Amino acid sequence: MSTKFEYNDTGGTSNDFKAAKWYAMTFTPQAAHEITAVWIQVYRVGNGGGTLQIGIRAIDGAEKPTGADLALGSLATAGITTSSPGIKYEVTMGTPYALAAGTKYSMVYRTTGGDSSNFLQLRYQTTTIYPRGNMLTSNDSGGTWAVNAFDAVFEEWGNALLVPAGSGGPASLLIANGQI
């Protein structure tokens, strides 16, 4: 059974994302686990911009998303509500990924298309509530990122990593899985 690990349930405003305009939310798991899904609160305008994708990525020394997706989930935007402030939708990762406790990661939110009439609105809080991460914005498909003092509404779900006694802890599982 999945467990909700990291989250922020407070959001008072929304802003659009589409095509080259992406958002990211960094997060730091307090417990090692395998991420299986992310829930975000959104609504759509027009056709929503194709497919919603959420990628889990490593972060660089400036705490900005970097590299390829470690895990990726997607959801067709056609079924997303058009009513503000939106509702939470589950985006299931295609393949779960083992996250290490105390290591910061990013959730990168993007759509496969969209324009000024077809986009998603992401719900977020204009103050920092989640203590182990923050929201970022990119206007060039993740080429560069600006750090915001905001927090997206999100829930990060997964399965606890069961570590046998004497196995060396979660790091040995990550090594065994070829993830570090």
Protein backbone atom coordinates (compact mmCIF):
# COMPACT_ATOMS: atom_id res chain seq x y z
CA MET A 1 0.00 0.00 0.00
CA SER A 2 1.32 3.45 -0.94
CA THR A 3 2.17 6.09 1.65
CA LYS A 4 2.12 9.88 1.34
CA PHE A 5 5.67 11.02 2.11
CA GLU A 6 6.33 14.69 1.25
CA TYR A 7 3.55 17.22 0.60
CA ASN A 8 2.14 20.74 0.70
CA ASP A 9 -1.65 20.97 0.80
CA THR A 10 -1.93 24.77 0.92
CA GLY A 11 -2.38 26.88 -2.21
CA GLY A 12 -3.97 30.26 -2.68
CA THR A 13 -3.22 31.16 -6.29
CA SER A 14 -2.63 29.61 -9.74
CA ASN A 15 -0.46 30.28 -12.75
CA ASP A 16 -0.21 28.78 -16.22
CA PHE A 17 2.27 26.33 -17.66
CA LYS A 18 2.48 25.13 -21.24
CA ALA A 19 4.94 24.20 -23.97
CA ALA A 20 8.27 25.83 -22.95
CA LYS A 21 6.98 27.25 -19.63
CA TRP A 22 7.67 24.65 -16.93
CA TYR A 23 7.50 24.56 -13.15
CA ALA A 24 9.47 22.47 -10.69
CA MET A 25 9.12 21.79 -6.98
CA THR A 26 12.14 20.58 -5.05
CA PHE A 27 11.61 18.21 -2.14
CA THR A 28 13.74 16.33 0.36
CA PRO A 29 12.47 12.93 1.52
CA GLN A 30 12.81 12.36 5.25
CA ALA A 31 12.65 8.59 4.72
CA ALA A 32 14.12 6.41 1.99
CA HIS A 33 11.37 5.12 -0.28
CA GLU A 34 10.40 4.30 -3.83
CA ILE A 35 8.39 7.09 -5.48
CA THR A 36 5.36 5.74 -7.35
CA ALA A 37 3.12 8.79 -7.92
CA VAL A 38 2.80 12.56 -7.59
CA TRP A 39 -0.47 14.39 -7.00
CA ILE A 40 -0.75 18.04 -8.09
CA GLN A 41 -3.66 20.47 -8.09
CA VAL A 42 -4.42 21.82 -11.57
CA TYR A 43 -7.19 22.91 -13.89
CA ARG A 44 -7.13 23.39 -17.63
CA VAL A 45 -7.91 26.21 -20.01
CA GLY A 46 -8.90 25.16 -23.54
CA ASN A 47 -7.55 21.69 -24.32
CA GLY A 48 -4.89 21.92 -21.59
CA GLY A 49 -1.85 21.66 -23.85
CA GLY A 50 -1.61 17.97 -24.70
CA THR A 51 -0.24 15.67 -22.01
CA LEU A 52 0.79 16.60 -18.47
CA GLN A 53 4.19 15.14 -17.60
CA ILE A 54 5.91 15.05 -14.23
CA GLY A 55 9.55 14.03 -14.18
CA ILE A 56 11.63 13.35 -11.08
CA ARG A 57 15.12 14.79 -11.49
CA ALA A 58 18.31 15.28 -9.53
CA ILE A 59 19.30 18.83 -8.59
CA ASP A 60 22.55 20.68 -9.16
CA GLY A 61 24.67 22.64 -6.66
CA ALA A 62 22.33 25.66 -7.05
CA GLU A 63 19.37 23.40 -6.13
CA LYS A 64 17.91 23.53 -9.65
CA PRO A 65 16.71 20.52 -11.71
CA THR A 66 19.40 18.88 -13.78
CA GLY A 67 19.86 15.87 -16.05
CA ALA A 68 17.34 13.43 -17.44
CA ASP A 69 14.20 12.26 -15.67
CA LEU A 70 14.90 9.56 -13.08
CA ALA A 71 11.21 8.66 -13.23
CA LEU A 72 8.42 9.97 -15.46
CA GLY A 73 4.65 9.93 -15.28
CA SER A 74 2.03 11.37 -17.62
CA LEU A 75 -1.67 12.17 -17.72
CA ALA A 76 -3.89 13.26 -20.63
CA THR A 77 -5.08 16.82 -20.01
CA ALA A 78 -8.46 16.27 -21.72
CA GLY A 79 -9.92 14.78 -18.52
CA ILE A 80 -8.73 17.59 -16.23
CA THR A 81 -11.39 19.92 -14.84
CA THR A 82 -11.88 23.42 -16.26
CA SER A 83 -13.10 24.75 -12.90
CA SER A 84 -10.84 26.93 -10.75
CA PRO A 85 -9.13 26.29 -8.35
CA GLY A 86 -8.83 22.79 -9.83
CA ILE A 87 -8.55 19.47 -8.04
CA LYS A 88 -5.70 17.10 -7.24
CA TYR A 89 -4.77 14.60 -9.92
CA GLU A 90 -2.57 11.55 -9.54
CA VAL A 91 0.26 11.14 -12.01
CA THR A 92 1.70 7.62 -11.71
CA MET A 93 5.38 7.10 -12.45
CA GLY A 94 5.99 4.65 -15.30
CA THR A 95 8.72 3.00 -13.26
CA PRO A 96 9.15 3.64 -9.51
CA TYR A 97 12.44 5.17 -8.43
CA ALA A 98 14.25 4.72 -5.09
CA LEU A 99 14.77 8.04 -3.29
CA ALA A 100 17.42 8.44 -0.58
CA ALA A 101 16.49 10.08 2.73
CA GLY A 102 17.97 13.56 3.11
CA THR A 103 18.73 13.97 -0.61
CA LYS A 104 16.97 16.80 -2.45
CA TYR A 105 15.19 16.02 -5.75
CA SER A 106 12.88 17.95 -8.05
CA MET A 107 9.48 17.28 -9.58
CA VAL A 108 9.39 18.93 -13.03
CA TYR A 109 5.89 19.83 -14.27
CA ARG A 110 5.41 20.30 -18.02
CA THR A 111 2.99 19.75 -20.89
CA THR A 112 3.72 18.36 -24.33
CA GLY A 113 2.15 21.39 -26.05
CA GLY A 114 -0.07 24.35 -25.46
CA ASP A 115 -0.35 28.03 -26.32
CA SER A 116 -2.02 31.19 -25.00
CA SER A 117 -5.46 29.52 -25.30
CA ASN A 118 -4.58 25.97 -24.22
CA PHE A 119 -2.69 25.42 -20.98
CA LEU A 120 -2.81 24.14 -17.40
CA GLN A 121 -3.05 26.25 -14.25
CA LEU A 122 -0.91 25.00 -11.34
CA ARG A 123 -2.10 25.72 -7.79
CA TYR A 124 0.56 27.07 -5.43
CA GLN A 125 1.11 29.14 -2.30
CA THR A 126 2.85 32.52 -2.61
CA THR A 127 4.72 31.98 0.64
CA THR A 128 7.08 29.21 1.67
CA ILE A 129 5.22 26.53 3.64
CA TYR A 130 7.03 23.31 2.72
CA PRO A 131 10.33 23.45 4.68
CA ARG A 132 12.48 21.11 2.56
CA GLY A 133 12.15 22.60 -0.93
CA ASN A 134 10.80 25.37 -3.11
CA MET A 135 9.18 26.10 -6.46
CA LEU A 136 11.09 27.09 -9.61
CA THR A 137 10.08 28.45 -13.02
CA SER A 138 11.60 27.88 -16.47
CA ASN A 139 10.56 29.70 -19.64
CA ASP A 140 12.87 27.68 -21.91
CA SER A 141 11.87 24.03 -21.36
CA GLY A 142 14.14 23.57 -18.36
CA GLY A 143 17.25 25.17 -19.90
CA THR A 144 17.41 27.75 -17.12
CA TRP A 145 15.53 27.96 -13.83
CA ALA A 146 14.50 30.84 -11.55
CA VAL A 147 13.96 30.05 -7.86
CA ASN A 148 10.67 31.33 -6.39
CA ALA A 149 9.72 31.80 -2.74
CA PHE A 150 6.58 29.75 -3.47
CA ASP A 151 5.43 26.18 -2.86
CA ALA A 152 3.35 24.14 -5.27
CA VAL A 153 0.43 22.09 -3.99
CA PHE A 154 1.77 18.54 -4.24
CA GLU A 155 1.77 15.11 -2.67
CA GLU A 156 4.58 12.64 -3.22
CA TRP A 157 3.52 8.98 -2.77
CA GLY A 158 5.48 5.75 -2.69
CA ASN A 159 6.47 2.58 -0.94
CA ALA A 160 8.83 2.31 2.00
CA LEU A 161 12.11 0.61 1.24
CA LEU A 162 12.45 -2.51 3.35
CA VAL A 163 16.07 -2.92 4.36
CA PRO A 164 17.26 -6.26 5.77
CA ALA A 165 19.36 -6.07 8.96
CA GLY A 166 23.07 -5.65 8.20
CA SER A 167 22.49 -4.74 4.56
CA GLY A 168 24.15 -1.34 4.82
CA GLY A 169 20.93 0.67 4.67
CA PRO A 170 19.10 2.35 1.79
CA ALA A 171 22.35 3.26 -0.01
CA SER A 172 23.05 -0.43 -0.67
CA LEU A 173 19.59 -0.76 -2.24
CA LEU A 174 20.25 2.22 -4.48
CA ILE A 175 23.61 0.74 -5.53
CA ALA A 176 22.02 -2.68 -6.14
CA ASN A 177 19.36 -1.03 -8.30
CA GLY A 178 22.04 0.76 -10.33
CA GLN A 179 20.75 4.15 -9.16
CA ILE A 180 23.99 5.38 -7.59
